[in-house]
């Protein structure tokens, strides 16, 4: 999936100044995804630390 990210990012988020937040189950893949976009000159890229599991453990709402 991360191999497709550069092309998908340009198609879905053409503005490199737009905010993009990535998350995955544990936070590692989203960290790599964010790094890829930063390498593509995206400026406001964030990875949710700890991913979905940390979000649920913190008792944040899940829809």
N, C-alpha and C. Protein backbone atom coordinates (compact mmCIF):
# COMPACT_ATOMS: atom_id res chain seq x y z
N UNK A 1 0.81 -1.20 0.00
CA UNK A 1 0.00 0.00 0.00
C UNK A 1 0.85 1.26 0.00
N UNK A 2 1.94 1.26 0.76
CA UNK A 2 2.78 2.46 0.81
C UNK A 2 3.43 2.75 -0.54
N UNK A 3 3.57 1.71 -1.39
CA UNK A 3 4.15 1.92 -2.72
C UNK A 3 3.26 2.82 -3.57
N UNK A 4 1.96 2.74 -3.37
CA UNK A 4 1.00 3.53 -4.15
C UNK A 4 0.83 4.94 -3.61
N UNK A 5 1.35 5.21 -2.43
CA UNK A 5 1.09 6.48 -1.76
C UNK A 5 1.48 7.72 -2.56
N UNK A 6 2.66 7.79 -3.16
CA UNK A 6 3.00 9.03 -3.88
C UNK A 6 1.98 9.42 -4.95
N UNK A 7 1.57 8.47 -5.76
CA UNK A 7 0.58 8.76 -6.80
C UNK A 7 -0.78 9.10 -6.21
N UNK A 8 -1.19 8.34 -5.20
CA UNK A 8 -2.48 8.60 -4.55
C UNK A 8 -2.49 9.97 -3.88
N UNK A 9 -1.40 10.33 -3.24
CA UNK A 9 -1.34 11.61 -2.54
C UNK A 9 -1.50 12.77 -3.52
N UNK A 10 -0.79 12.71 -4.63
CA UNK A 10 -0.90 13.79 -5.62
C UNK A 10 -2.31 13.90 -6.17
N UNK A 11 -2.98 12.77 -6.34
CA UNK A 11 -4.34 12.79 -6.89
C UNK A 11 -5.36 13.27 -5.86
N UNK A 12 -5.22 12.85 -4.62
CA UNK A 12 -6.23 13.16 -3.60
C UNK A 12 -5.95 14.45 -2.84
N UNK A 13 -4.68 14.80 -2.70
CA UNK A 13 -4.31 16.01 -1.96
C UNK A 13 -3.29 16.78 -2.81
N UNK A 14 -3.77 17.47 -3.84
CA UNK A 14 -2.84 18.15 -4.74
C UNK A 14 -2.12 19.34 -4.11
N UNK A 15 -2.67 19.89 -3.04
CA UNK A 15 -2.06 21.05 -2.37
C UNK A 15 -1.05 20.58 -1.34
N UNK A 16 0.26 20.78 -1.58
CA UNK A 16 1.26 20.33 -0.62
C UNK A 16 1.25 21.10 0.70
N UNK A 17 0.44 22.15 0.78
CA UNK A 17 0.31 22.90 2.02
C UNK A 17 -0.87 22.45 2.87
N UNK A 18 -1.68 21.53 2.32
CA UNK A 18 -2.85 21.04 3.05
C UNK A 18 -2.42 20.16 4.22
N UNK A 19 -3.21 20.15 5.27
CA UNK A 19 -2.93 19.31 6.43
C UNK A 19 -3.34 17.88 6.13
N UNK A 20 -2.45 16.94 6.45
CA UNK A 20 -2.74 15.52 6.26
C UNK A 20 -2.33 14.77 7.52
N UNK A 21 -3.29 14.04 8.08
CA UNK A 21 -3.03 13.25 9.29
C UNK A 21 -3.16 11.78 8.92
N UNK A 22 -2.13 11.01 9.20
CA UNK A 22 -2.12 9.59 8.91
C UNK A 22 -2.24 8.80 10.20
N UNK A 23 -2.92 7.66 10.12
CA UNK A 23 -2.96 6.74 11.26
C UNK A 23 -3.05 5.32 10.73
N UNK A 24 -2.60 4.41 11.53
CA UNK A 24 -2.71 2.99 11.25
C UNK A 24 -2.95 2.30 12.59
N UNK A 25 -2.83 1.01 12.63
CA UNK A 25 -3.14 0.29 13.88
C UNK A 25 -2.20 0.68 15.01
N UNK A 26 -0.89 0.67 14.75
CA UNK A 26 0.06 0.91 15.83
C UNK A 26 0.90 2.17 15.69
N UNK A 27 0.83 2.84 14.56
CA UNK A 27 1.55 4.09 14.37
C UNK A 27 2.80 4.03 13.52
N UNK A 28 3.28 2.84 13.20
CA UNK A 28 4.53 2.73 12.45
C UNK A 28 4.34 2.99 10.95
N UNK A 29 3.34 2.36 10.35
CA UNK A 29 3.11 2.57 8.91
C UNK A 29 2.73 4.01 8.62
N UNK A 30 1.96 4.62 9.51
CA UNK A 30 1.58 6.02 9.28
C UNK A 30 2.79 6.94 9.39
N UNK A 31 3.75 6.57 10.22
CA UNK A 31 4.99 7.34 10.32
C UNK A 31 5.75 7.28 9.00
N UNK A 32 5.84 6.10 8.41
CA UNK A 32 6.50 5.96 7.10
C UNK A 32 5.74 6.71 6.01
N UNK A 33 4.42 6.66 6.05
CA UNK A 33 3.62 7.37 5.06
C UNK A 33 3.85 8.88 5.17
N UNK A 34 3.85 9.39 6.37
CA UNK A 34 4.10 10.82 6.58
C UNK A 34 5.47 11.23 6.09
N UNK A 35 6.46 10.39 6.32
CA UNK A 35 7.81 10.68 5.85
C UNK A 35 7.86 10.74 4.33
N UNK A 36 7.16 9.83 3.68
CA UNK A 36 7.11 9.84 2.22
C UNK A 36 6.55 11.15 1.70
N UNK A 37 5.47 11.62 2.32
CA UNK A 37 4.88 12.87 1.86
C UNK A 37 5.78 14.06 2.16
N UNK A 38 6.44 14.06 3.29
CA UNK A 38 7.39 15.13 3.59
C UNK A 38 8.50 15.15 2.54
N UNK A 39 8.95 13.99 2.12
CA UNK A 39 9.98 13.91 1.08
C UNK A 39 9.46 14.42 -0.26
N UNK A 40 8.13 14.46 -0.42
CA UNK A 40 7.51 14.98 -1.64
C UNK A 40 7.17 16.46 -1.50
N UNK A 41 7.67 17.11 -0.47
CA UNK A 41 7.51 18.55 -0.21
C UNK A 41 6.16 18.92 0.40
N UNK A 42 5.43 17.94 0.95
CA UNK A 42 4.22 18.28 1.71
C UNK A 42 4.68 18.85 3.05
N UNK A 43 4.03 19.91 3.49
CA UNK A 43 4.50 20.66 4.66
C UNK A 43 3.79 20.33 5.97
N UNK A 44 2.50 20.04 5.94
CA UNK A 44 1.70 19.86 7.16
C UNK A 44 1.26 18.41 7.29
N UNK A 45 2.23 17.53 7.46
CA UNK A 45 1.97 16.10 7.52
C UNK A 45 2.19 15.61 8.95
N UNK A 46 1.23 14.83 9.45
CA UNK A 46 1.30 14.35 10.83
C UNK A 46 0.97 12.87 10.88
N UNK A 47 1.58 12.16 11.81
CA UNK A 47 1.28 10.77 12.07
C UNK A 47 0.75 10.68 13.50
N UNK A 48 -0.38 10.02 13.67
CA UNK A 48 -0.98 9.91 14.99
C UNK A 48 -0.17 8.92 15.82
N UNK A 49 0.52 9.43 16.82
CA UNK A 49 1.40 8.61 17.65
C UNK A 49 0.63 7.47 18.33
N UNK A 50 1.13 6.27 18.16
CA UNK A 50 0.49 5.11 18.77
C UNK A 50 -0.64 4.52 17.96
N UNK A 51 -1.09 5.22 16.94
CA UNK A 51 -2.12 4.73 16.05
C UNK A 51 -3.48 4.53 16.70
N UNK A 52 -4.27 3.72 16.01
CA UNK A 52 -5.64 3.45 16.43
C UNK A 52 -5.70 2.80 17.82
N UNK A 53 -4.76 1.90 18.10
CA UNK A 53 -4.76 1.22 19.40
C UNK A 53 -4.59 2.22 20.55
N UNK A 54 -3.67 3.16 20.40
CA UNK A 54 -3.46 4.16 21.44
C UNK A 54 -4.68 5.06 21.59
N UNK A 55 -5.32 5.37 20.46
CA UNK A 55 -6.53 6.20 20.49
C UNK A 55 -7.61 5.52 21.33
N UNK A 56 -7.82 4.22 21.08
CA UNK A 56 -8.85 3.49 21.84
C UNK A 56 -8.47 3.35 23.30
N UNK A 57 -7.19 3.08 23.58
CA UNK A 57 -6.75 2.95 24.97
C UNK A 57 -6.93 4.23 25.75
N UNK A 58 -6.88 5.36 25.06
CA UNK A 58 -7.09 6.67 25.70
C UNK A 58 -8.58 6.99 25.87
N UNK A 59 -9.41 6.05 25.43
CA UNK A 59 -10.86 6.16 25.53
C UNK A 59 -11.45 7.32 24.72
N UNK A 60 -10.78 7.63 23.60
CA UNK A 60 -11.35 8.62 22.68
C UNK A 60 -12.49 7.96 21.91
N UNK A 61 -13.43 8.73 21.42
CA UNK A 61 -14.56 8.14 20.71
C UNK A 61 -14.13 7.46 19.40
N UNK A 62 -14.79 6.38 19.11
CA UNK A 62 -14.56 5.63 17.87
C UNK A 62 -15.93 5.46 17.22
N UNK A 63 -16.04 5.89 15.96
CA UNK A 63 -17.34 5.85 15.30
C UNK A 63 -17.55 4.76 14.41
